[in-house]
Amino acid sequence: MKSLVLSSLLLTLLPLHADTVFNYDGFYARMKKSEKAEYSDITLSFLLQKTGSSERCVIDSAAITTDISSEPLTFAANGELILPYNELLNSRKALILLKQQSDAVPCDLNFRLRSRMPLDKTLQLAQLQKTHLQFQGLLKDLAGLGKYFLPEMTGVTVLFAEEALVTDVPATLRSRVNCTAKQCQVDLTGVPESAAGAVTFSKTPEYLVPWLQR
């Protein structure tokens, strides 16, 4: 069972080594879908990770360029490449330029859905369900005709920077929350939308991501 990387559902893994150039329009088309109002609690992020691992890629620089401009891009500590959502850049056929040392470990560009805003230690069941439904909707939007072949999304995975445990959980979810190391899976299959309660963790979560049955 996997919860994170959606590249196999959206795009083939893209290898990165030395100087690599991507067309911005492919990213923009996907961001345009994720920026819809109905997906306000989630976002589509772009991860640069060492090939075959979840470790952050090592790059020298990242920039987005057009025929008349060049601007540096932010590469976050968690490995996310922060891209602007900009119609002008799209219309000007912008390019994304990533540079690595020639002897650096090759990296892959992956895509994932995650929650957008900072989270608290206590997550309301209504919040988890709302995020789950938005993940389902956006994933189908991004997959297009491939939505008929998507694995089942049974809930959400809660990600942490360090090992975490559940400290309080409502009876509705008592047998549905499973924590291992730095993540907890919450099975929301069949949980009524009217169900109340909250789940509290020992650490503050970093993100919510889809929990996909693979």
N, C-alpha and C. Protein backbone atom coordinates (compact mmCIF):
# COMPACT_ATOMS: atom_id res chain seq x y z
N MET A 1 0.85 -1.19 0.00
CA MET A 1 0.00 0.00 0.00
C MET A 1 0.88 1.24 0.00
N LYS A 2 0.58 2.16 -0.90
CA LYS A 2 1.35 3.40 -0.97
C LYS A 2 0.41 4.58 -0.84
N SER A 3 0.96 5.66 -0.30
CA SER A 3 0.13 6.83 -0.09
C SER A 3 0.61 8.06 -0.80
N LEU A 4 1.86 8.06 -1.28
CA LEU A 4 2.44 9.32 -1.69
C LEU A 4 2.54 9.56 -3.18
N VAL A 5 3.53 9.00 -3.80
CA VAL A 5 3.93 9.44 -5.13
C VAL A 5 2.88 9.10 -6.17
N LEU A 6 2.47 10.12 -6.93
CA LEU A 6 1.42 9.96 -7.93
C LEU A 6 1.98 9.95 -9.34
N SER A 7 3.29 9.97 -9.46
CA SER A 7 3.87 10.07 -10.79
C SER A 7 3.46 8.92 -11.68
N SER A 8 3.31 7.74 -11.13
CA SER A 8 2.93 6.59 -11.94
C SER A 8 1.51 6.72 -12.45
N LEU A 9 0.73 7.58 -11.81
CA LEU A 9 -0.65 7.79 -12.24
C LEU A 9 -0.76 8.98 -13.19
N LEU A 10 0.16 9.93 -13.08
CA LEU A 10 0.03 11.17 -13.84
C LEU A 10 1.05 11.28 -14.97
N LEU A 11 2.29 11.00 -14.66
CA LEU A 11 3.37 11.12 -15.64
C LEU A 11 4.41 10.05 -15.38
N THR A 12 5.14 9.70 -16.41
CA THR A 12 6.29 8.83 -16.21
C THR A 12 7.32 9.58 -15.37
N LEU A 13 8.06 8.84 -14.52
CA LEU A 13 9.13 9.47 -13.76
C LEU A 13 10.09 10.17 -14.70
N LEU A 14 10.50 11.35 -14.32
CA LEU A 14 11.39 12.15 -15.16
C LEU A 14 12.78 12.18 -14.54
N PRO A 15 13.79 11.60 -15.18
CA PRO A 15 15.13 11.58 -14.61
C PRO A 15 15.79 12.96 -14.68
N LEU A 16 16.54 13.29 -13.67
CA LEU A 16 17.27 14.56 -13.63
C LEU A 16 18.74 14.26 -13.39
N HIS A 17 19.59 14.75 -14.26
CA HIS A 17 21.03 14.61 -14.06
C HIS A 17 21.73 15.70 -14.85
N ALA A 18 22.74 16.34 -14.22
CA ALA A 18 23.43 17.48 -14.82
C ALA A 18 22.42 18.59 -15.14
N ASP A 19 22.44 19.16 -16.34
CA ASP A 19 21.50 20.22 -16.69
C ASP A 19 20.25 19.59 -17.33
N THR A 20 19.10 19.87 -16.74
CA THR A 20 17.84 19.31 -17.23
C THR A 20 16.83 20.42 -17.44
N VAL A 21 16.11 20.35 -18.55
CA VAL A 21 15.12 21.37 -18.89
C VAL A 21 13.75 20.73 -19.05
N PHE A 22 12.73 21.34 -18.42
CA PHE A 22 11.35 20.90 -18.56
C PHE A 22 10.52 22.05 -19.12
N ASN A 23 9.53 21.73 -19.91
CA ASN A 23 8.55 22.73 -20.34
C ASN A 23 7.62 23.05 -19.18
N TYR A 24 7.38 24.32 -18.94
CA TYR A 24 6.51 24.75 -17.86
C TYR A 24 5.04 24.41 -18.12
N ASP A 25 4.63 24.31 -19.40
CA ASP A 25 3.21 24.18 -19.70
C ASP A 25 2.59 22.91 -19.10
N GLY A 26 3.35 21.81 -19.02
CA GLY A 26 2.82 20.59 -18.43
C GLY A 26 2.52 20.75 -16.95
N PHE A 27 3.38 21.49 -16.25
CA PHE A 27 3.16 21.77 -14.84
C PHE A 27 1.96 22.70 -14.68
N TYR A 28 1.91 23.73 -15.53
CA TYR A 28 0.84 24.72 -15.44
C TYR A 28 -0.52 24.06 -15.64
N ALA A 29 -0.63 23.15 -16.60
CA ALA A 29 -1.91 22.49 -16.88
C ALA A 29 -2.41 21.73 -15.66
N ARG A 30 -1.51 21.10 -14.93
CA ARG A 30 -1.90 20.36 -13.73
C ARG A 30 -2.20 21.31 -12.57
N MET A 31 -1.40 22.38 -12.43
CA MET A 31 -1.68 23.35 -11.37
C MET A 31 -3.02 24.04 -11.60
N LYS A 32 -3.37 24.26 -12.86
CA LYS A 32 -4.64 24.91 -13.17
C LYS A 32 -5.81 24.11 -12.61
N LYS A 33 -5.71 22.79 -12.66
CA LYS A 33 -6.76 21.94 -12.09
C LYS A 33 -6.73 21.99 -10.57
N SER A 34 -5.54 21.98 -9.99
CA SER A 34 -5.44 21.95 -8.54
C SER A 34 -5.83 23.27 -7.90
N GLU A 35 -5.83 24.37 -8.69
CA GLU A 35 -6.16 25.68 -8.15
C GLU A 35 -7.67 25.97 -8.17
N LYS A 36 -8.48 25.01 -8.59
CA LYS A 36 -9.93 25.21 -8.56
C LYS A 36 -10.41 25.42 -7.13
N ALA A 37 -11.48 26.20 -6.97
CA ALA A 37 -11.99 26.53 -5.65
C ALA A 37 -12.38 25.30 -4.85
N GLU A 38 -12.87 24.26 -5.52
CA GLU A 38 -13.31 23.07 -4.80
C GLU A 38 -12.16 22.27 -4.19
N TYR A 39 -10.92 22.64 -4.53
CA TYR A 39 -9.75 21.97 -3.96
C TYR A 39 -8.94 22.92 -3.08
N SER A 40 -9.61 23.79 -2.39
CA SER A 40 -8.94 24.85 -1.64
C SER A 40 -8.09 24.34 -0.48
N ASP A 41 -8.35 23.14 0.03
CA ASP A 41 -7.62 22.63 1.18
C ASP A 41 -6.40 21.79 0.80
N ILE A 42 -6.21 21.54 -0.49
CA ILE A 42 -5.11 20.68 -0.92
C ILE A 42 -4.32 21.35 -2.04
N THR A 43 -3.17 20.77 -2.36
CA THR A 43 -2.36 21.32 -3.43
C THR A 43 -1.60 20.19 -4.13
N LEU A 44 -1.10 20.48 -5.31
CA LEU A 44 -0.26 19.57 -6.06
C LEU A 44 1.18 20.03 -5.91
N SER A 45 2.02 19.17 -5.37
CA SER A 45 3.42 19.56 -5.17
C SER A 45 4.34 18.74 -6.06
N PHE A 46 5.53 19.29 -6.29
CA PHE A 46 6.50 18.68 -7.18
C PHE A 46 7.75 18.35 -6.36
N LEU A 47 8.11 17.07 -6.32
CA LEU A 47 9.20 16.61 -5.47
C LEU A 47 10.41 16.21 -6.30
N LEU A 48 11.57 16.67 -5.89
CA LEU A 48 12.83 16.22 -6.48
C LEU A 48 13.50 15.30 -5.47
N GLN A 49 13.58 14.01 -5.82
CA GLN A 49 14.11 13.02 -4.89
C GLN A 49 15.20 12.18 -5.57
N LYS A 50 16.17 11.75 -4.78
CA LYS A 50 17.21 10.88 -5.31
C LYS A 50 16.56 9.62 -5.88
N THR A 51 17.03 9.19 -7.03
CA THR A 51 16.44 8.04 -7.70
C THR A 51 16.38 6.83 -6.77
N GLY A 52 15.18 6.25 -6.69
CA GLY A 52 14.99 5.04 -5.89
C GLY A 52 14.87 5.26 -4.40
N SER A 53 14.73 6.53 -3.98
CA SER A 53 14.58 6.80 -2.55
C SER A 53 13.67 8.00 -2.34
N SER A 54 13.38 8.28 -1.08
CA SER A 54 12.57 9.45 -0.75
C SER A 54 13.44 10.61 -0.26
N GLU A 55 14.77 10.48 -0.41
CA GLU A 55 15.68 11.52 0.04
C GLU A 55 15.65 12.72 -0.89
N ARG A 56 15.86 13.88 -0.31
CA ARG A 56 15.88 15.13 -1.06
C ARG A 56 17.01 15.11 -2.09
N CYS A 57 16.69 15.57 -3.28
CA CYS A 57 17.68 15.67 -4.36
C CYS A 57 18.71 16.75 -4.02
N VAL A 58 19.90 16.60 -4.59
CA VAL A 58 20.93 17.63 -4.44
C VAL A 58 21.08 18.34 -5.79
N ILE A 59 20.70 19.62 -5.82
CA ILE A 59 20.85 20.40 -7.05
C ILE A 59 21.59 21.69 -6.74
N ASP A 60 22.23 22.22 -7.76
CA ASP A 60 22.98 23.48 -7.59
C ASP A 60 22.06 24.69 -7.70
N SER A 61 21.13 24.63 -8.66
CA SER A 61 20.25 25.78 -8.86
C SER A 61 19.01 25.36 -9.64
N ALA A 62 17.97 26.18 -9.51
CA ALA A 62 16.73 25.98 -10.25
C ALA A 62 16.22 27.35 -10.68
N ALA A 63 15.76 27.44 -11.91
CA ALA A 63 15.27 28.73 -12.42
C ALA A 63 14.17 28.48 -13.43
N ILE A 64 13.33 29.50 -13.61
CA ILE A 64 12.32 29.46 -14.65
C ILE A 64 12.61 30.60 -15.62
N THR A 65 12.67 30.29 -16.90
CA THR A 65 13.13 31.27 -17.89
C THR A 65 12.13 31.41 -19.03
N THR A 66 12.13 32.59 -19.63
CA THR A 66 11.40 32.84 -20.88
C THR A 66 12.37 33.54 -21.83
N ASP A 67 11.86 33.99 -22.95
CA ASP A 67 12.73 34.69 -23.90
C ASP A 67 13.19 36.05 -23.38
N ILE A 68 12.51 36.55 -22.33
CA ILE A 68 12.87 37.88 -21.84
C ILE A 68 13.18 37.92 -20.34
N SER A 69 13.11 36.79 -19.66
CA SER A 69 13.31 36.83 -18.20
C SER A 69 13.89 35.51 -17.69
N SER A 70 14.47 35.60 -16.49
CA SER A 70 14.96 34.42 -15.78
C SER A 70 14.85 34.69 -14.29
N GLU A 71 14.12 33.81 -13.58
CA GLU A 71 13.92 34.00 -12.14
C GLU A 71 14.29 32.72 -11.42
N PRO A 72 14.99 32.85 -10.26
CA PRO A 72 15.33 31.64 -9.49
C PRO A 72 14.08 31.01 -8.89
N LEU A 73 14.13 29.68 -8.71
CA LEU A 73 13.04 28.95 -8.08
C LEU A 73 13.49 28.48 -6.71
N THR A 74 12.54 28.39 -5.79
CA THR A 74 12.84 27.92 -4.44
C THR A 74 12.79 26.40 -4.40
N PHE A 75 13.81 25.81 -3.78
CA PHE A 75 13.87 24.37 -3.57
C PHE A 75 13.81 24.14 -2.08
N ALA A 76 12.68 23.67 -1.58
CA ALA A 76 12.43 23.60 -0.14
C ALA A 76 13.20 22.46 0.53
N ALA A 77 13.31 22.54 1.85
CA ALA A 77 14.06 21.55 2.62
C ALA A 77 13.46 20.15 2.50
N ASN A 78 12.15 20.06 2.23
CA ASN A 78 11.51 18.75 2.09
C ASN A 78 11.61 18.18 0.68
N GLY A 79 12.35 18.87 -0.20
CA GLY A 79 12.53 18.37 -1.55
C GLY A 79 11.55 18.91 -2.56
N GLU A 80 10.64 19.79 -2.14
CA GLU A 80 9.65 20.33 -3.07
C GLU A 80 10.24 21.48 -3.89
N LEU A 81 9.97 21.44 -5.17
CA LEU A 81 10.32 22.55 -6.07
C LEU A 81 9.10 23.46 -6.14
N ILE A 82 9.24 24.69 -5.68
CA ILE A 82 8.12 25.63 -5.60
C ILE A 82 7.99 26.36 -6.94
N LEU A 83 6.91 26.07 -7.64
CA LEU A 83 6.68 26.68 -8.96
C LEU A 83 5.59 27.74 -8.88
N PRO A 84 5.74 28.85 -9.61
CA PRO A 84 4.68 29.85 -9.67
C PRO A 84 3.54 29.37 -10.56
N TYR A 85 2.33 29.81 -10.20
CA TYR A 85 1.17 29.54 -11.05
C TYR A 85 0.88 30.83 -11.80
N ASN A 86 1.28 30.87 -13.08
CA ASN A 86 1.31 32.16 -13.77
C ASN A 86 0.97 31.96 -15.24
N GLU A 87 -0.15 32.55 -15.66
CA GLU A 87 -0.61 32.42 -17.05
C GLU A 87 0.38 33.07 -18.03
N LEU A 88 1.02 34.18 -17.62
CA LEU A 88 1.96 34.85 -18.50
C LEU A 88 3.16 33.95 -18.80
N LEU A 89 3.68 33.27 -17.76
CA LEU A 89 4.79 32.35 -17.97
C LEU A 89 4.39 31.22 -18.92
N ASN A 90 3.16 30.78 -18.78
CA ASN A 90 2.67 29.71 -19.65
C ASN A 90 2.58 30.19 -21.10
N SER A 91 2.05 31.39 -21.29
CA SER A 91 1.88 31.92 -22.64
C SER A 91 3.22 32.23 -23.30
N ARG A 92 4.25 32.50 -22.48
CA ARG A 92 5.57 32.82 -23.03
C ARG A 92 6.44 31.56 -23.16
N LYS A 93 5.82 30.40 -23.02
CA LYS A 93 6.53 29.13 -23.23
C LYS A 93 7.74 29.00 -22.29
N ALA A 94 7.51 29.26 -21.03
CA ALA A 94 8.59 29.23 -20.05
C ALA A 94 9.22 27.84 -19.94
N LEU A 95 10.48 27.83 -19.56
CA LEU A 95 11.23 26.60 -19.34
C LEU A 95 11.72 26.55 -17.90
N ILE A 96 11.78 25.36 -17.33
CA ILE A 96 12.32 25.15 -15.99
C ILE A 96 13.69 24.52 -16.15
N LEU A 97 14.71 25.18 -15.63
CA LEU A 97 16.09 24.71 -15.77
C LEU A 97 16.63 24.29 -14.41
N LEU A 98 17.04 23.03 -14.31
CA LEU A 98 17.60 22.49 -13.07
C LEU A 98 19.04 22.07 -13.34
N LYS A 99 19.95 22.44 -12.43
CA LYS A 99 21.37 22.13 -12.62
C LYS A 99 21.90 21.31 -11.45
N GLN A 100 22.63 20.24 -11.79
CA GLN A 100 23.32 19.39 -10.83
C GLN A 100 24.79 19.29 -11.22
N GLN A 101 25.62 18.92 -10.25
CA GLN A 101 26.99 18.54 -10.57
C GLN A 101 26.97 17.27 -11.40
N SER A 102 27.93 17.11 -12.29
CA SER A 102 27.95 15.95 -13.19
C SER A 102 28.12 14.64 -12.43
N ASP A 103 28.70 14.68 -11.22
CA ASP A 103 28.91 13.46 -10.44
C ASP A 103 27.86 13.28 -9.34
N ALA A 104 26.82 14.11 -9.35
CA ALA A 104 25.77 14.01 -8.33
C ALA A 104 24.90 12.79 -8.57
N VAL A 105 24.24 12.33 -7.51
CA VAL A 105 23.31 11.20 -7.62
C VAL A 105 22.13 11.62 -8.47
N PRO A 106 21.76 10.86 -9.52
CA PRO A 106 20.61 11.22 -10.35
C PRO A 106 19.33 11.31 -9.51
N CYS A 107 18.41 12.13 -9.95
CA CYS A 107 17.18 12.35 -9.20
C CYS A 107 15.96 12.17 -10.10
N ASP A 108 14.83 11.98 -9.47
CA ASP A 108 13.55 11.86 -10.17
C ASP A 108 12.66 13.02 -9.78
N LEU A 109 11.82 13.43 -10.71
CA LEU A 109 10.81 14.45 -10.43
C LEU A 109 9.48 13.73 -10.24
N ASN A 110 8.93 13.80 -9.04
CA ASN A 110 7.68 13.13 -8.70
C ASN A 110 6.60 14.16 -8.38
N PHE A 111 5.37 13.72 -8.40
CA PHE A 111 4.22 14.57 -8.11
C PHE A 111 3.43 13.95 -6.97
N ARG A 112 2.92 14.78 -6.07
CA ARG A 112 2.05 14.25 -5.03
C ARG A 112 0.99 15.29 -4.66
N LEU A 113 -0.12 14.79 -4.16
CA LEU A 113 -1.14 15.65 -3.57
C LEU A 113 -0.90 15.71 -2.08
N ARG A 114 -1.07 16.88 -1.50
CA ARG A 114 -0.94 17.02 -0.05
C ARG A 114 -1.83 18.14 0.44
N SER A 115 -2.02 18.19 1.75
CA SER A 115 -2.78 19.28 2.35
C SER A 115 -2.02 20.58 2.17
N ARG A 116 -2.77 21.69 2.11
CA ARG A 116 -2.18 22.98 1.78
C ARG A 116 -1.72 23.77 3.01
N MET A 117 -2.54 23.79 4.07
CA MET A 117 -2.29 24.66 5.21
C MET A 117 -1.62 23.91 6.36
N PRO A 118 -0.94 24.64 7.28
CA PRO A 118 -0.36 24.00 8.48
C PRO A 118 -1.44 23.28 9.28
N LEU A 119 -1.03 22.19 9.93
CA LEU A 119 -1.97 21.34 10.67
C LEU A 119 -1.71 21.45 12.17
N ASP A 120 -2.72 21.09 12.95
CA ASP A 120 -2.61 21.02 14.41
C ASP A 120 -2.42 19.57 14.85
N LYS A 121 -2.02 19.39 16.10
CA LYS A 121 -1.91 18.03 16.65
C LYS A 121 -3.25 17.32 16.64
N THR A 122 -4.32 18.07 16.82
CA THR A 122 -5.66 17.51 16.83
C THR A 122 -6.34 17.81 15.50
N LEU A 123 -6.78 16.77 14.81
CA LEU A 123 -7.45 16.90 13.52
C LEU A 123 -8.89 16.44 13.64
N GLN A 124 -9.80 17.32 13.30
CA GLN A 124 -11.22 16.98 13.36
C GLN A 124 -11.56 15.95 12.28
N LEU A 125 -12.46 15.03 12.62
CA LEU A 125 -12.88 14.02 11.66
C LEU A 125 -13.47 14.68 10.42
N ALA A 126 -14.23 15.76 10.60
CA ALA A 126 -14.81 16.48 9.46
C ALA A 126 -13.71 17.01 8.54
N GLN A 127 -12.60 17.47 9.12
CA GLN A 127 -11.47 17.97 8.32
C GLN A 127 -10.83 16.84 7.52
N LEU A 128 -10.66 15.68 8.15
CA LEU A 128 -10.08 14.54 7.47
C LEU A 128 -10.96 14.09 6.31
N GLN A 129 -12.27 14.06 6.54
CA GLN A 129 -13.19 13.63 5.49
C GLN A 129 -13.21 14.63 4.32
N LYS A 130 -13.21 15.91 4.65
CA LYS A 130 -13.22 16.93 3.61
C LYS A 130 -11.97 16.84 2.74
N THR A 131 -10.82 16.67 3.39
CA THR A 131 -9.56 16.56 2.65
C THR A 131 -9.56 15.30 1.79
N HIS A 132 -10.05 14.21 2.34
CA HIS A 132 -10.15 12.94 1.61
C HIS A 132 -10.97 13.11 0.33
N LEU A 133 -12.12 13.76 0.44
CA LEU A 133 -12.99 13.96 -0.73
C LEU A 133 -12.32 14.85 -1.77
N GLN A 134 -11.58 15.87 -1.32
CA GLN A 134 -10.87 16.73 -2.27
C GLN A 134 -9.75 15.97 -2.97
N PHE A 135 -9.03 15.13 -2.23
CA PHE A 135 -8.01 14.29 -2.85
C PHE A 135 -8.63 13.41 -3.94
N GLN A 136 -9.76 12.79 -3.62
CA GLN A 136 -10.43 11.91 -4.60
C GLN A 136 -10.80 12.68 -5.86
N GLY A 137 -11.38 13.87 -5.68
CA GLY A 137 -11.82 14.66 -6.81
C GLY A 137 -10.68 15.12 -7.69
N LEU A 138 -9.62 15.66 -7.07
CA LEU A 138 -8.50 16.18 -7.84
C LEU A 138 -7.73 15.05 -8.52
N LEU A 139 -7.56 13.93 -7.84
CA LEU A 139 -6.85 12.83 -8.45
C LEU A 139 -7.56 12.36 -9.72
N LYS A 140 -8.88 12.31 -9.68
CA LYS A 140 -9.65 11.91 -10.87
C LYS A 140 -9.52 12.97 -11.97
N ASP A 141 -9.54 14.24 -11.57
CA ASP A 141 -9.36 15.33 -12.55
C ASP A 141 -8.01 15.21 -13.26
N LEU A 142 -6.97 14.93 -12.49
CA LEU A 142 -5.62 14.85 -13.04
C LEU A 142 -5.42 13.59 -13.89
N ALA A 143 -6.09 12.52 -13.52
CA ALA A 143 -5.91 11.25 -14.22
C ALA A 143 -6.65 11.20 -15.54
N GLY A 144 -7.68 12.06 -15.73
CA GLY A 144 -8.44 12.04 -16.98
C GLY A 144 -9.11 10.70 -17.19
N LEU A 145 -8.96 10.12 -18.37
CA LEU A 145 -9.56 8.82 -18.64
C LEU A 145 -8.94 7.72 -17.78
N GLY A 146 -7.74 7.99 -17.28
CA GLY A 146 -7.09 7.02 -16.41
C GLY A 146 -7.77 6.85 -15.06
N LYS A 147 -8.77 7.70 -14.76
CA LYS A 147 -9.45 7.62 -13.47
C LYS A 147 -10.14 6.28 -13.28
N TYR A 148 -10.48 5.60 -14.39
CA TYR A 148 -11.14 4.30 -14.28
C TYR A 148 -10.18 3.20 -13.84
N PHE A 149 -8.90 3.50 -13.83
CA PHE A 149 -7.90 2.50 -13.47
C PHE A 149 -7.17 2.88 -12.18
N LEU A 150 -7.63 3.92 -11.51
CA LEU A 150 -6.98 4.36 -10.28
C LEU A 150 -7.18 3.34 -9.16
N PRO A 151 -6.18 3.17 -8.30
CA PRO A 151 -6.37 2.32 -7.13
C PRO A 151 -7.36 2.97 -6.17
N GLU A 152 -7.94 2.18 -5.32
CA GLU A 152 -8.93 2.71 -4.37
C GLU A 152 -8.25 3.61 -3.35
N MET A 153 -8.85 4.75 -3.08
CA MET A 153 -8.37 5.66 -2.04
C MET A 153 -9.25 5.45 -0.81
N THR A 154 -8.69 4.83 0.22
CA THR A 154 -9.49 4.43 1.38
C THR A 154 -9.45 5.44 2.52
N GLY A 155 -8.62 6.44 2.41
CA GLY A 155 -8.53 7.42 3.49
C GLY A 155 -7.37 8.36 3.28
N VAL A 156 -6.76 8.81 4.38
CA VAL A 156 -5.63 9.72 4.30
C VAL A 156 -4.47 9.17 5.12
N THR A 157 -3.27 9.55 4.71
CA THR A 157 -2.07 9.27 5.49
C THR A 157 -1.60 10.58 6.11
N VAL A 158 -1.31 10.53 7.39
CA VAL A 158 -0.81 11.70 8.12
C VAL A 158 0.70 11.56 8.24
N LEU A 159 1.44 12.54 7.72
CA LEU A 159 2.90 12.48 7.71
C LEU A 159 3.49 13.38 8.80
N PHE A 160 4.59 12.88 9.41
CA PHE A 160 5.27 13.61 10.48
C PHE A 160 6.77 13.72 10.18
N ALA A 161 7.42 14.67 10.80
CA ALA A 161 8.86 14.83 10.65
C ALA A 161 9.63 13.81 11.49
N GLU A 162 8.98 13.26 12.52
CA GLU A 162 9.57 12.26 13.39
C GLU A 162 8.49 11.28 13.83
N GLU A 163 8.88 10.22 14.51
CA GLU A 163 7.92 9.20 14.91
C GLU A 163 6.80 9.80 15.76
N ALA A 164 5.59 9.33 15.53
CA ALA A 164 4.43 9.87 16.24
C ALA A 164 3.46 8.75 16.58
N LEU A 165 2.62 9.03 17.59
CA LEU A 165 1.61 8.08 18.03
C LEU A 165 0.27 8.79 18.15
N VAL A 166 -0.79 8.02 18.17
CA VAL A 166 -2.12 8.56 18.45
C VAL A 166 -2.30 8.63 19.96
N THR A 167 -2.74 9.77 20.46
CA THR A 167 -2.97 9.90 21.90
C THR A 167 -4.45 9.94 22.26
N ASP A 168 -5.30 10.24 21.27
CA ASP A 168 -6.74 10.24 21.52
C ASP A 168 -7.45 10.02 20.19
N VAL A 169 -8.46 9.16 20.19
CA VAL A 169 -9.19 8.85 18.97
C VAL A 169 -10.63 8.51 19.30
N PRO A 170 -11.61 9.00 18.53
CA PRO A 170 -13.01 8.69 18.82
C PRO A 170 -13.31 7.21 18.54
N ALA A 171 -14.37 6.72 19.15
CA ALA A 171 -14.75 5.31 18.97
C ALA A 171 -14.96 4.98 17.50
N THR A 172 -15.45 5.95 16.73
CA THR A 172 -15.71 5.74 15.30
C THR A 172 -14.46 5.30 14.55
N LEU A 173 -13.28 5.78 14.99
CA LEU A 173 -12.04 5.52 14.27
C LEU A 173 -11.07 4.62 15.04
N ARG A 174 -11.51 4.08 16.16
CA ARG A 174 -10.57 3.38 17.06
C ARG A 174 -9.79 2.27 16.35
N SER A 175 -10.46 1.53 15.50
CA SER A 175 -9.79 0.43 14.80
C SER A 175 -9.33 0.84 13.40
N ARG A 176 -9.42 2.12 13.08
CA ARG A 176 -9.16 2.60 11.73
C ARG A 176 -7.90 3.45 11.62
N VAL A 177 -7.20 3.66 12.72
CA VAL A 177 -5.98 4.47 12.70
C VAL A 177 -4.79 3.57 13.02
N ASN A 178 -3.82 3.54 12.12
CA ASN A 178 -2.65 2.70 12.29
C ASN A 178 -1.39 3.52 12.06
N CYS A 179 -0.54 3.59 13.09
CA CYS A 179 0.68 4.41 12.99
C CYS A 179 1.92 3.53 12.91
N THR A 180 2.82 3.90 12.01
CA THR A 180 4.11 3.23 11.86
C THR A 180 5.16 4.29 11.60
N ALA A 181 6.13 4.38 12.51
CA ALA A 181 7.23 5.33 12.36
C ALA A 181 6.71 6.76 12.18
N LYS A 182 6.93 7.34 10.99
CA LYS A 182 6.61 8.75 10.77
C LYS A 182 5.30 8.98 10.03
N GLN A 183 4.40 7.99 10.05
CA GLN A 183 3.12 8.19 9.38
C GLN A 183 2.02 7.39 10.05
N CYS A 184 0.80 7.91 9.89
CA CYS A 184 -0.39 7.22 10.41
C CYS A 184 -1.43 7.16 9.30
N GLN A 185 -1.98 5.97 9.05
CA GLN A 185 -3.06 5.83 8.08
C GLN A 185 -4.40 5.90 8.79
N VAL A 186 -5.33 6.64 8.20
CA VAL A 186 -6.68 6.77 8.75
C VAL A 186 -7.65 6.25 7.69
N ASP A 187 -8.30 5.13 7.99
CA ASP A 187 -9.25 4.51 7.07
C ASP A 187 -10.60 5.20 7.23
N LEU A 188 -11.07 5.84 6.17
CA LEU A 188 -12.34 6.57 6.23
C LEU A 188 -13.45 5.87 5.44
N THR A 189 -13.19 4.65 5.00
CA THR A 189 -14.18 3.91 4.22
C THR A 189 -15.44 3.68 5.03
N GLY A 190 -16.56 4.15 4.52
CA GLY A 190 -17.84 3.91 5.17
C GLY A 190 -18.13 4.76 6.39
N VAL A 191 -17.23 5.66 6.76
CA VAL A 191 -17.49 6.53 7.91
C VAL A 191 -18.51 7.59 7.50
N PRO A 192 -19.63 7.71 8.20
CA PRO A 192 -20.66 8.69 7.81
C PRO A 192 -20.11 10.11 7.83
N GLU A 193 -20.57 10.93 6.90
CA GLU A 193 -20.12 12.33 6.85
C GLU A 193 -20.56 13.09 8.09
N SER A 194 -21.61 12.61 8.74
CA SER A 194 -22.12 13.28 9.93
C SER A 194 -21.36 12.89 11.20
N ALA A 195 -20.44 11.93 11.10
CA ALA A 195 -19.70 11.46 12.27
C ALA A 195 -18.87 12.60 12.85
N ALA A 196 -18.86 12.68 14.18
CA ALA A 196 -18.13 13.74 14.88
C ALA A 196 -16.91 13.15 15.58
N GLY A 197 -16.08 14.04 16.10
CA GLY A 197 -14.91 13.60 16.85
C GLY A 197 -13.63 14.15 16.25
N ALA A 198 -12.52 13.79 16.89
CA ALA A 198 -11.22 14.27 16.44
C ALA A 198 -10.15 13.26 16.82
N VAL A 199 -9.04 13.30 16.09
CA VAL A 199 -7.88 12.46 16.38
C VAL A 199 -6.74 13.35 16.84
N THR A 200 -6.11 12.99 17.95
CA THR A 200 -5.00 13.76 18.47
C THR A 200 -3.73 12.92 18.41
N PHE A 201 -2.64 13.54 17.96
CA PHE A 201 -1.36 12.85 17.82
C PHE A 201 -0.34 13.41 18.81
N SER A 202 0.73 12.64 19.03
CA SER A 202 1.77 13.07 19.96
C SER A 202 2.66 14.16 19.36
N LYS A 203 2.68 14.25 18.03
CA LYS A 203 3.46 15.27 17.33
C LYS A 203 2.55 16.02 16.36
N THR A 204 2.98 17.21 15.96
CA THR A 204 2.22 17.99 14.99
C THR A 204 2.50 17.44 13.58
N PRO A 205 1.47 17.09 12.83
CA PRO A 205 1.69 16.55 11.48
C PRO A 205 2.26 17.60 10.53
N GLU A 206 2.98 17.11 9.53
CA GLU A 206 3.45 17.98 8.46
C GLU A 206 2.39 18.13 7.38
N TYR A 207 1.87 16.99 6.89
CA TYR A 207 0.91 17.01 5.79
C TYR A 207 -0.06 15.85 5.89
N LEU A 208 -1.16 16.01 5.21
CA LEU A 208 -2.03 14.90 4.87
C LEU A 208 -1.82 14.58 3.39
N VAL A 209 -1.77 13.30 3.06
CA VAL A 209 -1.66 12.85 1.67
C VAL A 209 -2.66 11.72 1.46
N PRO A 210 -2.99 11.39 0.21
CA PRO A 210 -3.94 10.30 -0.02
C PRO A 210 -3.38 8.96 0.46
N TRP A 211 -4.28 8.10 0.90
CA TRP A 211 -3.91 6.71 1.22
C TRP A 211 -4.50 5.84 0.13
N LEU A 212 -3.63 5.35 -0.75
CA LEU A 212 -4.06 4.57 -1.90
C LEU A 212 -3.74 3.09 -1.67
N GLN A 213 -4.70 2.24 -1.99
CA GLN A 213 -4.49 0.81 -1.92
C GLN A 213 -3.79 0.37 -3.20
N ARG A 214 -2.58 -0.18 -3.08
CA ARG A 214 -1.80 -0.59 -4.25
C ARG A 214 -1.59 -2.08 -4.25
